[in-house]
Each structure stands twice: as structure tokens, then as C-alpha cells.
Amino acid sequence: MAAGDAGAKENVEIHMFRPNLDSLPDVQTPPGFSLRQGPDPAAWVAIQQAAEPFLNISLDGTQEGAWQHEFIPGEGNLPLCGEDGKPISLEDALRHQFFIVEESTGRAVGTATAWLTKHHAAYTDMLTTSRYWAASLTSPEGEAGPRQVDLNADGLVHWVAVHPEYQGRGLSKPLLAAVLQGLGSAGRCCKTATLGTGSGRPQAIPLYLSFGFEPMVFGAEDLRAWRELHRAAAARAALGEAADVDERTRRGDRVLVDKLRLVSETDVGRLLGVTEGSEALKP
């Protein structure tokens, strides 16, 4: 789950995949900020409540967005014990939870977590039971059909958010870099990474694309969302200086136009083996 971008009102759930954890960027925190590592429930809830426009964030609860459900062993996503039968501690599970801290105030203003995909129940079910497409999960000719993500080697970029008062200052980049490095570390040993976000988070998607993530497609709805993101960005880019957008959006549009071209031009319906309603999946 990736959060923290107010974006548009419509928010179609979309997913992304990074086919390797090679050549990871080393991004320094901006002056006046530093990274802190380890669980902090109160800071996490405060940041997510301020940044998350679509979900109900709370400390306790069983819904998506509740700290208890997301992170407490045996309470939701995280099993009580590991595959070795030993209890999972909160400290070990969240060893690679990161916070961006404003040094002058000590306030945590951003967060992201390196999570194991197999420790997220909904993701495990989705990636086990669904057919899906991503460019690097498909043979060059597409004839072999889409391959599945290896859950035992995949890490989840989880709950990325920056407080709205601090967005646009380059704080998401060091958070994302730290998470990817955490996933590839000896404690996680992941080989690939996935994340979930939404089409209503237009500032976050170019960031993920620029960090080597690519679109995943599960069906007609998310394919339409990806293609609409590409179409809208291309339309704004075609207007040039006449487009009524800020420079941050212009930079993001350039990334969207470049990185989403393949998903807009590929016959995903054929690769997924979709026949019913497949017109919606054609380029």
C-alpha cells in the first residue's frame, strides 16, 4: 500500500512491479531532515491521517489503514509466528519502517515501510489467484503468457506518505530509496518489489516509475486507469506552456508519457487470455 498524495477524487486501485533490486538509488535527505528507523505507531498514524485522502486511518481497528490490522503480529496482515514457528516481534517486523524527521522540531513528517509481500494477506491472495501482466513478467513475444511474482522473494513498498505541509520538498525519494535498500538487505533478502497505489495519486506515480517500477494490469478497470493517466499527461504535455499546471506536474507528465507508453500500446487482453469484454483491453 502506498499512500500520501491527495490527488484526484477518483481513485482506481493500481499496482506496480520492480523486476529487480539492482542499481538502487542512493538518495540523501534534504538539508534539515534526517531518517529514523524503527516502529513509531503515533507518528505513523499522525502522518497517514494528514496525508491519506481515501482510507480511514486509526491506531486500533480491523480495517485497512488501522495500525493494529497492518502491523501487529496475529491481528491482521502479519502472522503471529514465522515459517520457523517462532513468534514474530513487532520490532523485527518493522525493523525497516522509516520516518523522515524535521531536525529543528524533531517532528516525523514522512514514513514508508519495507514489508514482506507474503506477510500481507490481501496481496498474497491477489498475486496467487489472479492473472496479471507486467512487461518484465511476460516473455518477449508474449506467447508463454504472464509469469507470476515469486512471493517468497518479493518485498512490498508499504504505506508511503509525506505530511501535506511537507510535500514537494523531495522527501519521498529518500524514503523510497531506504525502503528498497531495506528490502534487498540481509534481513529481507528480496529480489523484486511490488506496491499498491491509486490513479488518484498523480504525484506519487511518476516517482515510482522513475525508481524503476512498471505498471501491472489485472483487468479492464486498472488498464483503463493506466491509459487515462497516459492520455491525460500527453494532452497536458502537448499544450506546453499553455497548460495550467505547476512545474512539478510538468515533470511528472514527462515521466508518465515516457514510462506508460508500453502499457497503452500493448494488447494486454491477448496476453492475459481475456476473451469476454476484451475490447476494453485492446490498445
Protein backbone atom coordinates (compact mmCIF):
# COMPACT_ATOMS: atom_id res chain seq x y z
CA MET A 1 0.00 0.00 0.00
CA ALA A 2 1.37 3.38 -0.99
CA ALA A 3 -0.37 6.49 0.22
CA GLY A 4 0.18 10.16 0.77
CA ASP A 5 -0.95 12.03 -2.36
CA ALA A 6 -4.21 13.94 -2.21
CA GLY A 7 -4.59 13.80 -5.99
CA ALA A 8 -7.92 13.49 -7.78
CA LYS A 9 -11.26 12.43 -6.35
CA GLU A 10 -11.45 9.21 -8.39
CA ASN A 11 -9.03 6.57 -7.21
CA VAL A 12 -8.80 3.28 -9.10
CA GLU A 13 -6.56 0.78 -7.31
CA ILE A 14 -3.45 0.11 -9.38
CA HIS A 15 -0.28 -1.89 -8.75
CA MET A 16 3.35 -1.70 -9.79
CA PHE A 17 6.31 -4.09 -10.01
CA ARG A 18 10.09 -3.64 -9.90
CA PRO A 19 11.72 -6.67 -11.55
CA ASN A 20 14.95 -6.46 -9.56
CA LEU A 21 16.62 -4.66 -6.68
CA ASP A 22 19.81 -3.92 -8.60
CA SER A 23 21.30 -0.45 -9.06
CA LEU A 24 19.25 1.06 -6.28
CA PRO A 25 19.47 4.84 -5.98
CA ASP A 26 21.27 6.35 -3.01
CA VAL A 27 19.23 9.44 -2.23
CA GLN A 28 20.32 11.80 0.52
CA THR A 29 17.79 13.55 2.72
CA PRO A 30 17.44 17.29 2.07
CA PRO A 31 19.22 19.64 4.49
CA GLY A 32 17.35 19.95 7.78
CA PHE A 33 15.87 16.45 7.62
CA SER A 34 17.09 13.01 8.66
CA LEU A 35 15.94 9.38 8.51
CA ARG A 36 14.85 7.46 11.59
CA GLN A 37 14.35 3.71 11.59
CA GLY A 38 12.01 1.51 13.63
CA PRO A 39 8.32 1.44 14.63
CA ASP A 40 6.52 4.55 15.87
CA PRO A 41 2.73 3.98 15.95
CA ALA A 42 1.76 7.53 16.99
CA ALA A 43 3.90 9.19 14.33
CA TRP A 44 2.69 6.77 11.65
CA VAL A 45 -0.98 7.43 12.43
CA ALA A 46 -0.48 11.22 12.53
CA ILE A 47 1.25 11.29 9.14
CA GLN A 48 -1.19 8.92 7.47
CA GLN A 49 -4.25 10.74 8.83
CA ALA A 50 -2.95 14.01 7.41
CA ALA A 51 -1.89 12.59 4.04
CA GLU A 52 -4.39 9.82 3.21
CA PRO A 53 -7.49 11.09 1.35
CA PHE A 54 -9.24 7.79 0.69
CA LEU A 55 -8.91 5.47 3.71
CA ASN A 56 -9.84 5.59 7.39
CA ILE A 57 -6.59 5.73 9.37
CA SER A 58 -6.56 4.78 13.05
CA LEU A 59 -4.37 3.22 15.71
CA ASP A 60 -6.80 0.42 16.58
CA GLY A 61 -9.18 -1.44 14.30
CA THR A 62 -9.53 -4.25 11.80
CA GLN A 63 -9.85 -2.18 8.63
CA GLU A 64 -7.21 -1.39 6.05
CA GLY A 65 -5.44 1.67 7.40
CA ALA A 66 -5.52 0.67 11.07
CA TRP A 67 -2.08 0.24 12.63
CA GLN A 68 -3.35 -2.78 14.55
CA HIS A 69 -4.51 -4.52 11.37
CA GLU A 70 -1.50 -3.55 9.28
CA PHE A 71 1.38 -4.30 11.64
CA ILE A 72 0.54 -6.07 14.92
CA PRO A 73 1.50 -9.79 14.79
CA GLY A 74 -1.58 -12.01 14.77
CA GLU A 75 -4.02 -9.10 14.42
CA GLY A 76 -4.38 -8.80 10.65
CA ASN A 77 -1.81 -8.97 7.86
CA LEU A 78 1.15 -10.18 9.90
CA PRO A 79 1.03 -13.78 11.16
CA LEU A 80 1.72 -14.45 14.80
CA CYS A 81 4.62 -16.77 14.00
CA GLY A 82 7.11 -17.09 11.18
CA GLU A 83 7.70 -20.13 9.00
CA ASP A 84 10.12 -21.42 11.63
CA GLY A 85 7.32 -21.46 14.21
CA LYS A 86 8.90 -18.70 16.29
CA PRO A 87 6.79 -15.67 17.31
CA ILE A 88 7.28 -12.55 15.19
CA SER A 89 8.09 -9.46 17.22
CA LEU A 90 6.87 -6.00 16.23
CA GLU A 91 10.43 -4.69 16.41
CA ASP A 92 11.69 -7.31 13.97
CA ALA A 93 8.74 -6.92 11.60
CA LEU A 94 9.17 -3.14 11.48
CA ARG A 95 12.94 -3.03 11.57
CA HIS A 96 12.76 -1.38 8.15
CA GLN A 97 10.00 1.11 8.86
CA PHE A 98 11.38 4.57 8.15
CA PHE A 99 10.46 8.10 9.13
CA ILE A 100 11.66 11.44 7.76
CA VAL A 101 12.26 13.77 10.71
CA GLU A 102 12.49 17.56 10.66
CA GLU A 103 15.64 18.12 12.70
CA SER A 104 14.71 21.55 14.06
CA THR A 105 11.49 20.28 15.66
CA GLY A 106 12.05 16.52 15.94
CA ARG A 107 8.73 16.02 14.17
CA ALA A 108 8.26 12.97 11.94
CA VAL A 109 6.76 14.26 8.68
CA GLY A 110 7.02 11.26 6.34
CA THR A 111 7.06 7.48 6.53
CA ALA A 112 7.43 4.31 4.46
CA THR A 113 7.82 0.64 5.34
CA ALA A 114 9.73 -2.25 3.77
CA TRP A 115 7.35 -5.20 4.16
CA LEU A 116 7.36 -8.81 3.04
CA THR A 117 4.66 -9.38 0.43
CA LYS A 118 3.86 -12.82 1.87
CA HIS A 119 3.00 -11.06 5.15
CA HIS A 120 0.19 -9.09 3.52
CA ALA A 121 -2.89 -11.29 3.30
CA ALA A 122 -4.70 -9.38 0.56
CA TYR A 123 -1.61 -9.08 -1.62
CA THR A 124 -0.79 -12.75 -1.19
CA ASP A 125 -4.30 -13.72 -2.27
CA MET A 126 -4.29 -11.30 -5.20
CA LEU A 127 -0.92 -12.39 -6.54
CA THR A 128 -1.70 -16.08 -6.05
CA THR A 129 -5.19 -16.30 -7.53
CA SER A 130 -5.23 -13.57 -10.19
CA ARG A 131 -3.80 -13.34 -13.68
CA TYR A 132 -1.84 -10.17 -14.27
CA TRP A 133 0.52 -8.53 -16.73
CA ALA A 134 3.70 -6.54 -16.35
CA ALA A 135 6.26 -6.01 -19.08
CA SER A 136 9.06 -7.91 -17.35
CA LEU A 137 6.74 -10.76 -16.28
CA THR A 138 5.93 -11.59 -19.90
CA SER A 139 8.09 -13.35 -22.48
CA PRO A 140 9.33 -11.04 -25.26
CA GLU A 141 6.77 -12.47 -27.67
CA GLY A 142 4.03 -12.80 -25.09
CA GLU A 143 3.39 -16.36 -26.17
CA ALA A 144 4.27 -18.03 -22.88
CA GLY A 145 1.75 -15.94 -21.00
CA PRO A 146 2.37 -13.82 -17.94
CA ARG A 147 4.57 -15.23 -15.20
CA GLN A 148 3.72 -14.79 -11.53
CA VAL A 149 5.61 -12.86 -8.89
CA ASP A 150 7.59 -15.13 -6.55
CA LEU A 151 6.02 -14.29 -3.18
CA ASN A 152 8.97 -15.74 -1.28
CA ALA A 153 11.34 -13.31 -2.96
CA ASP A 154 9.14 -10.22 -3.26
CA GLY A 155 9.04 -7.20 -0.99
CA LEU A 156 6.20 -4.73 -0.58
CA VAL A 157 6.74 -0.98 -0.57
CA HIS A 158 4.18 -0.22 2.09
CA TRP A 159 2.37 2.91 3.27
CA VAL A 160 4.49 5.67 1.72
CA ALA A 161 3.27 9.07 2.91
CA VAL A 162 4.50 12.60 3.49
CA HIS A 163 2.54 15.14 5.52
CA PRO A 164 0.83 17.60 3.11
CA GLU A 165 2.65 20.56 4.67
CA TYR A 166 5.96 19.00 3.59
CA GLN A 167 5.07 17.57 0.17
CA GLY A 168 7.01 18.84 -2.83
CA ARG A 169 10.30 19.06 -0.92
CA GLY A 170 11.85 15.84 -2.20
CA LEU A 171 11.19 13.85 0.97
CA SER A 172 9.55 10.84 -0.71
CA LYS A 173 12.70 9.97 -2.64
CA PRO A 174 14.96 9.19 0.34
CA LEU A 175 12.10 7.27 1.96
CA LEU A 176 11.56 5.13 -1.13
CA ALA A 177 15.30 4.59 -1.57
CA ALA A 178 15.64 3.49 2.07
CA VAL A 179 12.75 1.03 1.71
CA LEU A 180 14.17 -0.54 -1.45
CA GLN A 181 17.58 -0.86 0.17
CA GLY A 182 15.91 -2.40 3.22
CA LEU A 183 14.10 -4.95 1.06
CA GLY A 184 17.37 -6.00 -0.53
CA SER A 185 19.27 -6.20 2.76
CA ALA A 186 20.33 -9.38 4.52
CA GLY A 187 17.33 -9.18 6.82
CA ARG A 188 14.82 -9.23 3.96
CA CYS A 189 16.71 -10.86 1.04
CA CYS A 190 14.09 -9.80 -1.52
CA LYS A 191 14.79 -9.97 -5.24
CA THR A 192 11.81 -7.97 -6.56
CA ALA A 193 9.37 -5.39 -5.22
CA THR A 194 5.70 -4.54 -5.66
CA LEU A 195 3.47 -1.75 -4.43
CA GLY A 196 -0.14 -0.67 -4.50
CA THR A 197 -1.27 2.87 -5.16
CA GLY A 198 -4.17 4.59 -6.90
CA SER A 199 -4.88 6.59 -10.03
CA GLY A 200 -5.99 9.42 -7.73
CA ARG A 201 -2.40 9.88 -6.54
CA PRO A 202 -0.91 11.58 -9.64
CA GLN A 203 2.20 12.92 -7.93
CA ALA A 204 3.23 9.54 -6.49
CA ILE A 205 3.04 7.52 -9.71
CA PRO A 206 5.81 9.39 -11.61
CA LEU A 207 8.05 8.92 -8.56
CA TYR A 208 7.56 5.15 -8.60
CA LEU A 209 8.06 4.98 -12.37
CA SER A 210 11.31 6.95 -12.08
CA PHE A 211 12.51 4.45 -9.45
CA GLY A 212 12.20 1.54 -11.87
CA PHE A 213 8.66 0.36 -11.14
CA GLU A 214 6.42 -0.61 -14.04
CA PRO A 215 2.63 -0.89 -14.36
CA MET A 216 0.86 -4.14 -13.54
CA VAL A 217 -2.51 -4.89 -15.13
CA PHE A 218 -5.11 -7.23 -13.62
CA GLY A 219 -8.12 -6.38 -15.78
CA ALA A 220 -10.06 -3.80 -17.75
CA GLU A 221 -10.57 -1.31 -14.91
CA ASP A 222 -6.95 -0.79 -13.96
CA LEU A 223 -5.84 -0.89 -17.61
CA ARG A 224 -8.25 1.95 -18.38
CA ALA A 225 -6.84 3.84 -15.38
CA TRP A 226 -3.26 3.44 -16.62
CA ARG A 227 -4.21 4.50 -20.14
CA GLU A 228 -6.15 7.50 -18.86
CA LEU A 229 -3.11 8.61 -16.86
CA HIS A 230 -1.02 8.35 -20.04
CA ARG A 231 -3.63 10.12 -22.18
CA ALA A 232 -4.14 13.00 -19.73
CA ALA A 233 -0.39 13.53 -19.28
CA ALA A 234 0.16 13.50 -23.05
CA ALA A 235 -2.66 16.01 -23.55
CA ARG A 236 -1.19 18.40 -20.96
CA ALA A 237 2.30 17.97 -22.40
CA ALA A 238 1.01 18.81 -25.88
CA LEU A 239 -0.26 22.15 -24.58
CA GLY A 240 3.21 23.08 -23.42
CA GLU A 241 3.36 26.34 -21.50
CA ALA A 242 -0.35 26.88 -22.13
CA ALA A 243 -1.22 24.04 -19.74
CA ASP A 244 -2.38 25.41 -16.39
CA VAL A 245 -0.14 23.21 -14.21
CA ASP A 246 2.86 23.75 -11.96
CA GLU A 247 6.42 22.66 -12.73
CA ARG A 248 6.14 19.59 -10.52
CA THR A 249 3.20 18.36 -12.60
CA ARG A 250 5.07 19.11 -15.84
CA ARG A 251 7.99 16.97 -14.70
CA GLY A 252 5.61 14.19 -13.69
CA ASP A 253 3.81 14.35 -17.02
CA ARG A 254 7.07 13.83 -18.89
CA VAL A 255 7.67 10.66 -16.87
CA LEU A 256 4.10 9.41 -17.39
CA VAL A 257 4.22 9.98 -21.15
CA ASP A 258 7.52 8.11 -21.45
CA LYS A 259 7.00 5.25 -19.00
CA LEU A 260 3.33 4.47 -19.70
CA ARG A 261 3.65 4.27 -23.48
CA LEU A 262 4.11 0.48 -23.45
CA VAL A 263 1.00 -0.25 -21.36
CA SER A 264 -1.01 1.98 -23.70
CA GLU A 265 0.23 0.23 -26.83
CA THR A 266 0.26 -3.43 -25.72
CA ASP A 267 -2.62 -5.83 -26.40
CA VAL A 268 -2.88 -6.81 -22.75
CA GLY A 269 -6.13 -8.70 -23.31
CA ARG A 270 -4.38 -11.26 -25.51
CA LEU A 271 -1.51 -11.68 -23.05
CA LEU A 272 -3.90 -12.21 -20.14
CA GLY A 273 -6.03 -14.61 -22.14
CA VAL A 274 -9.11 -12.44 -21.65
CA THR A 275 -11.94 -13.04 -24.11
CA GLU A 276 -15.10 -11.67 -22.50
CA GLY A 277 -15.09 -7.89 -22.72
CA SER A 278 -11.62 -7.98 -24.25
CA GLU A 279 -12.31 -4.90 -26.40
CA ALA A 280 -11.63 -2.83 -23.30
CA LEU A 281 -8.17 -4.39 -23.04
CA LYS A 282 -7.03 -3.66 -26.59
CA PRO A 283 -4.76 -0.70 -27.39
